[in-house]
PDB file of N, CA and C in Angstrom:
ATOM      1  N   MET A   1     -38.817 -40.230  42.244  1.00  0.00           N
ATOM      2  CA  MET A   1     -39.736 -39.259  41.729  1.00  0.00           C
ATOM      3  C   MET A   1     -39.659 -39.195  40.219  1.00  0.00           C
ATOM      4  N   ALA A   2     -40.810 -39.027  39.600  1.00  0.00           N
ATOM      5  CA  ALA A   2     -40.842 -38.877  38.150  1.00  0.00           C
ATOM      6  C   ALA A   2     -40.397 -37.473  37.766  1.00  0.00           C
ATOM      7  N   THR A   3     -39.837 -37.360  36.584  1.00  0.00           N
ATOM      8  CA  THR A   3     -39.430 -36.045  36.111  1.00  0.00           C
ATOM      9  C   THR A   3     -40.181 -35.693  34.844  1.00  0.00           C
ATOM     10  N   THR A   4     -40.274 -34.417  34.572  1.00  0.00           N
ATOM     11  CA  THR A   4     -40.907 -33.946  33.363  1.00  0.00           C
ATOM     12  C   THR A   4     -39.836 -33.411  32.427  1.00  0.00           C
ATOM     13  N   GLY A   5     -40.222 -33.084  31.208  1.00  0.00           N
ATOM     14  CA  GLY A   5     -39.264 -32.529  30.264  1.00  0.00           C
ATOM     15  C   GLY A   5     -38.827 -31.131  30.670  1.00  0.00           C
ATOM     16  N   ARG A   6     -39.772 -30.201  30.652  1.00  0.00           N
ATOM     17  CA  ARG A   6     -39.441 -28.823  30.994  1.00  0.00           C
ATOM     18  C   ARG A   6     -40.630 -28.183  31.700  1.00  0.00           C
ATOM     19  N   LEU A   7     -40.341 -27.420  32.708  1.00  0.00           N
ATOM     20  CA  LEU A   7     -41.345 -26.692  33.464  1.00  0.00           C
ATOM     21  C   LEU A   7     -41.033 -25.209  33.312  1.00  0.00           C
ATOM     22  N   THR A   8     -42.043 -24.399  33.006  1.00  0.00           N
ATOM     23  CA  THR A   8     -41.845 -22.964  32.891  1.00  0.00           C
ATOM     24  C   THR A   8     -42.572 -22.280  34.033  1.00  0.00           C
ATOM     25  N   LEU A   9     -41.848 -21.458  34.767  1.00  0.00           N
ATOM     26  CA  LEU A   9     -42.407 -20.737  35.907  1.00  0.00           C
ATOM     27  C   LEU A   9     -42.485 -19.250  35.602  1.00  0.00           C
ATOM     28  N   GLN A  10     -43.575 -18.613  36.015  1.00  0.00           N
ATOM     29  CA  GLN A  10     -43.653 -17.161  35.953  1.00  0.00           C
ATOM     30  C   GLN A  10     -43.273 -16.672  37.343  1.00  0.00           C
ATOM     31  N   VAL A  11     -42.183 -15.899  37.419  1.00  0.00           N
ATOM     32  CA  VAL A  11     -41.620 -15.507  38.707  1.00  0.00           C
ATOM     33  C   VAL A  11     -41.562 -13.987  38.818  1.00  0.00           C
ATOM     34  N   LYS A  12     -42.082 -13.462  39.936  1.00  0.00           N
ATOM     35  CA  LYS A  12     -41.909 -12.048  40.252  1.00  0.00           C
ATOM     36  C   LYS A  12     -40.757 -11.969  41.247  1.00  0.00           C
ATOM     37  N   VAL A  13     -39.774 -11.131  40.944  1.00  0.00           N
ATOM     38  CA  VAL A  13     -38.563 -11.045  41.755  1.00  0.00           C
ATOM     39  C   VAL A  13     -38.573  -9.776  42.597  1.00  0.00           C
ATOM     40  N   LYS A  14     -38.232  -9.931  43.868  1.00  0.00           N
ATOM     41  CA  LYS A  14     -38.061  -8.786  44.767  1.00  0.00           C
ATOM     42  C   LYS A  14     -36.630  -8.831  45.300  1.00  0.00           C
ATOM     43  N   PRO A  15     -35.739  -8.027  44.720  1.00  0.00           N
ATOM     44  CA  PRO A  15     -34.348  -8.008  45.188  1.00  0.00           C
ATOM     45  C   PRO A  15     -34.208  -7.237  46.502  1.00  0.00           C
ATOM     46  N   ASN A  16     -33.052  -7.342  47.120  1.00  0.00           N
ATOM     47  CA  ASN A  16     -32.715  -6.643  48.371  1.00  0.00           C
ATOM     48  C   ASN A  16     -33.635  -7.018  49.528  1.00  0.00           C
ATOM     49  N   ALA A  17     -34.071  -8.270  49.582  1.00  0.00           N
ATOM     50  CA  ALA A  17     -34.919  -8.740  50.683  1.00  0.00           C
ATOM     51  C   ALA A  17     -34.040  -9.180  51.855  1.00  0.00           C
ATOM     52  N   ARG A  18     -34.650  -9.360  53.001  1.00  0.00           N
ATOM     53  CA  ARG A  18     -33.893  -9.817  54.183  1.00  0.00           C
ATOM     54  C   ARG A  18     -33.463 -11.261  54.064  1.00  0.00           C
ATOM     55  N   VAL A  19     -34.369 -12.075  53.545  1.00  0.00           N
ATOM     56  CA  VAL A  19     -34.068 -13.502  53.386  1.00  0.00           C
ATOM     57  C   VAL A  19     -34.383 -13.924  51.958  1.00  0.00           C
ATOM     58  N   SER A  20     -33.687 -14.938  51.494  1.00  0.00           N
ATOM     59  CA  SER A  20     -33.957 -15.486  50.158  1.00  0.00           C
ATOM     60  C   SER A  20     -34.962 -16.613  50.299  1.00  0.00           C
ATOM     61  N   GLN A  21     -36.062 -16.506  49.555  1.00  0.00           N
ATOM     62  CA  GLN A  21     -37.050 -17.572  49.584  1.00  0.00           C
ATOM     63  C   GLN A  21     -37.879 -17.552  48.313  1.00  0.00           C
ATOM     64  N   LEU A  22     -38.411 -18.711  47.972  1.00  0.00           N
ATOM     65  CA  LEU A  22     -39.244 -18.883  46.790  1.00  0.00           C
ATOM     66  C   LEU A  22     -40.577 -19.425  47.266  1.00  0.00           C
ATOM     67  N   SER A  23     -41.661 -18.754  46.903  1.00  0.00           N
ATOM     68  CA  SER A  23     -42.974 -19.207  47.332  1.00  0.00           C
ATOM     69  C   SER A  23     -43.974 -19.079  46.197  1.00  0.00           C
ATOM     70  N   ARG A  24     -45.011 -19.892  46.251  1.00  0.00           N
ATOM     71  CA  ARG A  24     -46.045 -19.881  45.214  1.00  0.00           C
ATOM     72  C   ARG A  24     -47.163 -18.948  45.654  1.00  0.00           C
ATOM     73  N   THR A  25     -47.679 -18.152  44.730  1.00  0.00           N
ATOM     74  CA  THR A  25     -48.772 -17.232  45.045  1.00  0.00           C
ATOM     75  C   THR A  25     -50.108 -17.871  44.688  1.00  0.00           C
ATOM     76  N   GLU A  26     -51.197 -17.226  45.076  1.00  0.00           N
ATOM     77  CA  GLU A  26     -52.536 -17.779  44.855  1.00  0.00           C
ATOM     78  C   GLU A  26     -52.880 -17.936  43.384  1.00  0.00           C
ATOM     79  N   ASP A  27     -52.327 -17.070  42.527  1.00  0.00           N
ATOM     80  CA  ASP A  27     -52.655 -17.139  41.099  1.00  0.00           C
ATOM     81  C   ASP A  27     -51.806 -18.155  40.336  1.00  0.00           C
ATOM     82  N   GLY A  28     -50.958 -18.894  41.027  1.00  0.00           N
ATOM     83  CA  GLY A  28     -50.159 -19.933  40.397  1.00  0.00           C
ATOM     84  C   GLY A  28     -48.776 -19.488  39.971  1.00  0.00           C
ATOM     85  N   SER A  29     -48.486 -18.187  40.069  1.00  0.00           N
ATOM     86  CA  SER A  29     -47.135 -17.725  39.749  1.00  0.00           C
ATOM     87  C   SER A  29     -46.262 -17.885  40.995  1.00  0.00           C
ATOM     88  N   TRP A  30     -45.007 -17.481  40.886  1.00  0.00           N
ATOM     89  CA  TRP A  30     -44.063 -17.637  41.991  1.00  0.00           C
ATOM     90  C   TRP A  30     -43.516 -16.282  42.404  1.00  0.00           C
ATOM     91  N   LEU A  31     -43.168 -16.142  43.669  1.00  0.00           N
ATOM     92  CA  LEU A  31     -42.544 -14.933  44.199  1.00  0.00           C
ATOM     93  C   LEU A  31     -41.178 -15.317  44.746  1.00  0.00           C
ATOM     94  N   ALA A  32     -40.147 -14.667  44.223  1.00  0.00           N
ATOM     95  CA  ALA A  32     -38.781 -14.928  44.685  1.00  0.00           C
ATOM     96  C   ALA A  32     -38.271 -13.682  45.404  1.00  0.00           C
ATOM     97  N   GLN A  33     -37.999 -13.825  46.685  1.00  0.00           N
ATOM     98  CA  GLN A  33     -37.387 -12.749  47.449  1.00  0.00           C
ATOM     99  C   GLN A  33     -35.904 -13.071  47.531  1.00  0.00           C
ATOM    100  N   LEU A  34     -35.085 -12.121  47.075  1.00  0.00           N
ATOM    101  CA  LEU A  34     -33.654 -12.361  46.947  1.00  0.00           C
ATOM    102  C   LEU A  34     -32.859 -11.352  47.759  1.00  0.00           C
ATOM    103  N   LYS A  35     -31.818 -11.817  48.446  1.00  0.00           N
ATOM    104  CA  LYS A  35     -30.940 -10.929  49.196  1.00  0.00           C
ATOM    105  C   LYS A  35     -30.096 -10.047  48.281  1.00  0.00           C
ATOM    106  N   SER A  36     -29.746 -10.563  47.131  1.00  0.00           N
ATOM    107  CA  SER A  36     -28.831  -9.872  46.220  1.00  0.00           C
ATOM    108  C   SER A  36     -29.467  -8.630  45.603  1.00  0.00           C
ATOM    109  N   PRO A  37     -28.645  -7.621  45.313  1.00  0.00           N
ATOM    110  CA  PRO A  37     -29.146  -6.443  44.598  1.00  0.00           C
ATOM    111  C   PRO A  37     -29.241  -6.745  43.103  1.00  0.00           C
ATOM    112  N   PRO A  38     -30.065  -5.990  42.386  1.00  0.00           N
ATOM    113  CA  PRO A  38     -30.203  -6.227  40.938  1.00  0.00           C
ATOM    114  C   PRO A  38     -29.085  -5.553  40.148  1.00  0.00           C
ATOM    115  N   VAL A  39     -27.851  -5.891  40.474  1.00  0.00           N
ATOM    116  CA  VAL A  39     -26.677  -5.272  39.847  1.00  0.00           C
ATOM    117  C   VAL A  39     -25.762  -6.377  39.314  1.00  0.00           C
ATOM    118  N   ASP A  40     -25.275  -6.200  38.100  1.00  0.00           N
ATOM    119  CA  ASP A  40     -24.306  -7.118  37.480  1.00  0.00           C
ATOM    120  C   ASP A  40     -24.776  -8.573  37.472  1.00  0.00           C
ATOM    121  N   GLY A  41     -26.081  -8.805  37.367  1.00  0.00           N
ATOM    122  CA  GLY A  41     -26.596 -10.164  37.271  1.00  0.00           C
ATOM    123  C   GLY A  41     -26.597 -10.944  38.575  1.00  0.00           C
ATOM    124  N   LYS A  42     -26.313 -10.280  39.699  1.00  0.00           N
ATOM    125  CA  LYS A  42     -26.252 -10.994  40.980  1.00  0.00           C
ATOM    126  C   LYS A  42     -27.612 -11.560  41.374  1.00  0.00           C
ATOM    127  N   ALA A  43     -28.675 -10.788  41.176  1.00  0.00           N
ATOM    128  CA  ALA A  43     -30.009 -11.265  41.535  1.00  0.00           C
ATOM    129  C   ALA A  43     -30.428 -12.428  40.631  1.00  0.00           C
ATOM    130  N   ASN A  44     -30.105 -12.356  39.345  1.00  0.00           N
ATOM    131  CA  ASN A  44     -30.447 -13.455  38.438  1.00  0.00           C
ATOM    132  C   ASN A  44     -29.703 -14.728  38.818  1.00  0.00           C
ATOM    133  N   ALA A  45     -28.442 -14.608  39.182  1.00  0.00           N
ATOM    134  CA  ALA A  45     -27.662 -15.783  39.600  1.00  0.00           C
ATOM    135  C   ALA A  45     -28.246 -16.389  40.870  1.00  0.00           C
ATOM    136  N   GLU A  46     -28.658 -15.544  41.811  1.00  0.00           N
ATOM    137  CA  GLU A  46     -29.264 -16.055  43.044  1.00  0.00           C
ATOM    138  C   GLU A  46     -30.611 -16.703  42.752  1.00  0.00           C
ATOM    139  N   LEU A  47     -31.386 -16.128  41.833  1.00  0.00           N
ATOM    140  CA  LEU A  47     -32.670 -16.717  41.450  1.00  0.00           C
ATOM    141  C   LEU A  47     -32.481 -18.115  40.871  1.00  0.00           C
ATOM    142  N   ILE A  48     -31.512 -18.270  39.999  1.00  0.00           N
ATOM    143  CA  ILE A  48     -31.241 -19.583  39.395  1.00  0.00           C
ATOM    144  C   ILE A  48     -30.868 -20.596  40.467  1.00  0.00           C
ATOM    145  N   ALA A  49     -30.022 -20.206  41.405  1.00  0.00           N
ATOM    146  CA  ALA A  49     -29.621 -21.112  42.492  1.00  0.00           C
ATOM    147  C   ALA A  49     -30.815 -21.467  43.381  1.00  0.00           C
ATOM    148  N   LEU A  50     -31.672 -20.489  43.653  1.00  0.00           N
ATOM    149  CA  LEU A  50     -32.833 -20.710  44.515  1.00  0.00           C
ATOM    150  C   LEU A  50     -33.839 -21.655  43.855  1.00  0.00           C
ATOM    151  N   VAL A  51     -34.096 -21.461  42.581  1.00  0.00           N
ATOM    152  CA  VAL A  51     -35.029 -22.333  41.854  1.00  0.00           C
ATOM    153  C   VAL A  51     -34.456 -23.749  41.761  1.00  0.00           C
ATOM    154  N   ALA A  52     -33.169 -23.866  41.474  1.00  0.00           N
ATOM    155  CA  ALA A  52     -32.541 -25.196  41.389  1.00  0.00           C
ATOM    156  C   ALA A  52     -32.647 -25.942  42.717  1.00  0.00           C
ATOM    157  N   GLU A  53     -32.415 -25.243  43.807  1.00  0.00           N
ATOM    158  CA  GLU A  53     -32.526 -25.871  45.132  1.00  0.00           C
ATOM    159  C   GLU A  53     -33.963 -26.287  45.417  1.00  0.00           C
ATOM    160  N   ALA A  54     -34.922 -25.430  45.088  1.00  0.00           N
ATOM    161  CA  ALA A  54     -36.329 -25.717  45.371  1.00  0.00           C
ATOM    162  C   ALA A  54     -36.854 -26.910  44.574  1.00  0.00           C
ATOM    163  N   PHE A  55     -36.372 -27.083  43.345  1.00  0.00           N
ATOM    164  CA  PHE A  55     -36.864 -28.165  42.490  1.00  0.00           C
ATOM    165  C   PHE A  55     -35.927 -29.357  42.434  1.00  0.00           C
ATOM    166  N   GLY A  56     -34.852 -29.328  43.207  1.00  0.00           N
ATOM    167  CA  GLY A  56     -33.965 -30.480  43.307  1.00  0.00           C
ATOM    168  C   GLY A  56     -33.231 -30.810  42.023  1.00  0.00           C
ATOM    169  N   CYS A  57     -32.739 -29.787  41.344  1.00  0.00           N
ATOM    170  CA  CYS A  57     -31.995 -30.020  40.110  1.00  0.00           C
ATOM    171  C   CYS A  57     -30.714 -29.186  40.126  1.00  0.00           C
ATOM    172  N   ARG A  58     -29.901 -29.382  39.089  1.00  0.00           N
ATOM    173  CA  ARG A  58     -28.654 -28.622  38.998  1.00  0.00           C
ATOM    174  C   ARG A  58     -28.942 -27.202  38.517  1.00  0.00           C
ATOM    175  N   LYS A  59     -28.053 -26.273  38.860  1.00  0.00           N
ATOM    176  CA  LYS A  59     -28.212 -24.899  38.394  1.00  0.00           C
ATOM    177  C   LYS A  59     -28.165 -24.817  36.874  1.00  0.00           C
ATOM    178  N   ALA A  60     -27.423 -25.706  36.244  1.00  0.00           N
ATOM    179  CA  ALA A  60     -27.319 -25.715  34.790  1.00  0.00           C
ATOM    180  C   ALA A  60     -28.658 -26.065  34.129  1.00  0.00           C
ATOM    181  N   ALA A  61     -29.577 -26.673  34.869  1.00  0.00           N
ATOM    182  CA  ALA A  61     -30.877 -27.044  34.327  1.00  0.00           C
ATOM    183  C   ALA A  61     -31.888 -25.905  34.402  1.00  0.00           C
ATOM    184  N   VAL A  62     -31.510 -24.796  35.027  1.00  0.00           N
ATOM    185  CA  VAL A  62     -32.406 -23.648  35.198  1.00  0.00           C
ATOM    186  C   VAL A  62     -31.920 -22.505  34.323  1.00  0.00           C
ATOM    187  N   SER A  63     -32.839 -21.903  33.578  1.00  0.00           N
ATOM    188  CA  SER A  63     -32.465 -20.761  32.739  1.00  0.00           C
ATOM    189  C   SER A  63     -33.593 -19.729  32.726  1.00  0.00           C
ATOM    190  N   ILE A  64     -33.218 -18.476  32.554  1.00  0.00           N
ATOM    191  CA  ILE A  64     -34.192 -17.397  32.467  1.00  0.00           C
ATOM    192  C   ILE A  64     -34.514 -17.214  30.985  1.00  0.00           C
ATOM    193  N   ARG A  65     -35.745 -17.544  30.614  1.00  0.00           N
ATOM    194  CA  ARG A  65     -36.148 -17.461  29.208  1.00  0.00           C
ATOM    195  C   ARG A  65     -36.389 -16.014  28.789  1.00  0.00           C
ATOM    196  N   SER A  66     -37.085 -15.243  29.632  1.00  0.00           N
ATOM    197  CA  SER A  66     -37.332 -13.846  29.308  1.00  0.00           C
ATOM    198  C   SER A  66     -37.435 -13.038  30.589  1.00  0.00           C
ATOM    199  N   GLY A  67     -37.206 -11.740  30.459  1.00  0.00           N
ATOM    200  CA  GLY A  67     -37.312 -10.842  31.604  1.00  0.00           C
ATOM    201  C   GLY A  67     -36.055 -10.733  32.429  1.00  0.00           C
ATOM    202  N   ALA A  68     -34.896 -11.011  31.847  1.00  0.00           N
ATOM    203  CA  ALA A  68     -33.648 -11.000  32.617  1.00  0.00           C
ATOM    204  C   ALA A  68     -33.365  -9.642  33.249  1.00  0.00           C
ATOM    205  N   SER A  69     -33.861  -8.555  32.653  1.00  0.00           N
ATOM    206  CA  SER A  69     -33.594  -7.240  33.224  1.00  0.00           C
ATOM    207  C   SER A  69     -34.821  -6.640  33.916  1.00  0.00           C
ATOM    208  N   GLY A  70     -35.903  -7.411  34.036  1.00  0.00           N
ATOM    209  CA  GLY A  70     -37.109  -6.912  34.687  1.00  0.00           C
ATOM    210  C   GLY A  70     -37.444  -7.705  35.934  1.00  0.00           C
ATOM    211  N   ARG A  71     -38.533  -7.324  36.574  1.00  0.00           N
ATOM    212  CA  ARG A  71     -38.948  -8.035  37.789  1.00  0.00           C
ATOM    213  C   ARG A  71     -39.788  -9.269  37.494  1.00  0.00           C
ATOM    214  N   MET A  72     -40.495  -9.286  36.367  1.00  0.00           N
ATOM    215  CA  MET A  72     -41.280 -10.456  35.971  1.00  0.00           C
ATOM    216  C   MET A  72     -40.444 -11.284  35.008  1.00  0.00           C
ATOM    217  N   LYS A  73     -40.240 -12.537  35.332  1.00  0.00           N
ATOM    218  CA  LYS A  73     -39.372 -13.406  34.542  1.00  0.00           C
ATOM    219  C   LYS A  73     -40.084 -14.715  34.218  1.00  0.00           C
ATOM    220  N   LEU A  74     -39.736 -15.294  33.083  1.00  0.00           N
ATOM    221  CA  LEU A  74     -40.122 -16.655  32.771  1.00  0.00           C
ATOM    222  C   LEU A  74     -38.878 -17.505  32.948  1.00  0.00           C
ATOM    223  N   VAL A  75     -38.975 -18.494  33.807  1.00  0.00           N
ATOM    224  CA  VAL A  75     -37.829 -19.334  34.149  1.00  0.00           C
ATOM    225  C   VAL A  75     -38.139 -20.772  33.726  1.00  0.00           C
ATOM    226  N   ASP A  76     -37.243 -21.364  32.947  1.00  0.00           N
ATOM    227  CA  ASP A  76     -37.371 -22.755  32.521  1.00  0.00           C
ATOM    228  C   ASP A  76     -36.564 -23.655  33.445  1.00  0.00           C
ATOM    229  N   VAL A  77     -37.167 -24.784  33.824  1.00  0.00           N
ATOM    230  CA  VAL A  77     -36.490 -25.785  34.648  1.00  0.00           C
ATOM    231  C   VAL A  77     -36.533 -27.098  33.877  1.00  0.00           C
ATOM    232  N   GLU A  78     -35.382 -27.583  33.441  1.00  0.00           N
ATOM    233  CA  GLU A  78     -35.288 -28.842  32.698  1.00  0.00           C
ATOM    234  C   GLU A  78     -35.276 -30.011  33.680  1.00  0.00           C
ATOM    235  N   GLY A  79     -36.096 -31.020  33.399  1.00  0.00           N
ATOM    236  CA  GLY A  79     -36.094 -32.220  34.226  1.00  0.00           C
ATOM    237  C   GLY A  79     -36.536 -31.966  35.650  1.00  0.00           C
ATOM    238  N   ALA A  80     -37.481 -31.062  35.832  1.00  0.00           N
ATOM    239  CA  ALA A  80     -37.935 -30.708  37.179  1.00  0.00           C
ATOM    240  C   ALA A  80     -38.675 -31.866  37.816  1.00  0.00           C
ATOM    241  N   ALA A  81     -38.528 -32.008  39.111  1.00  0.00           N
ATOM    242  CA  ALA A  81     -39.251 -33.050  39.839  1.00  0.00           C
ATOM    243  C   ALA A  81     -40.744 -32.757  39.762  1.00  0.00           C
ATOM    244  N   ALA A  82     -41.532 -33.781  39.784  1.00  0.00           N
ATOM    245  CA  ALA A  82     -42.983 -33.636  39.609  1.00  0.00           C
ATOM    246  C   ALA A  82     -43.663 -32.959  40.775  1.00  0.00           C
ATOM    247  N   GLN A  83     -42.919 -32.569  41.796  1.00  0.00           N
ATOM    248  CA  GLN A  83     -43.511 -31.924  42.967  1.00  0.00           C
ATOM    249  C   GLN A  83     -44.095 -30.560  42.654  1.00  0.00           C
ATOM    250  N   ALA A  84     -43.758 -29.970  41.510  1.00  0.00           N
ATOM    251  CA  ALA A  84     -44.259 -28.646  41.142  1.00  0.00           C
ATOM    252  C   ALA A  84     -45.749 -28.703  40.962  1.00  0.00           C
TER     253      ALA A  84
END
């Protein structure tokens, strides 16, 4: 698979969900449902792991550019697979 330089995702986060999943919405943004509570960075850490798994990259390649303390986040994925 070909890779790109950097992919930026707009992600709406819903913490305290029953299951962790990442899905694309109709408007092109992403919805991340996370089991973790939004306390002590647990939800952000789970979001990074979930995005890395979904795009087939290392967790170190995923970073939250903005919105670390809010529900709407911009997430950068370095070297993301072209499947996005």
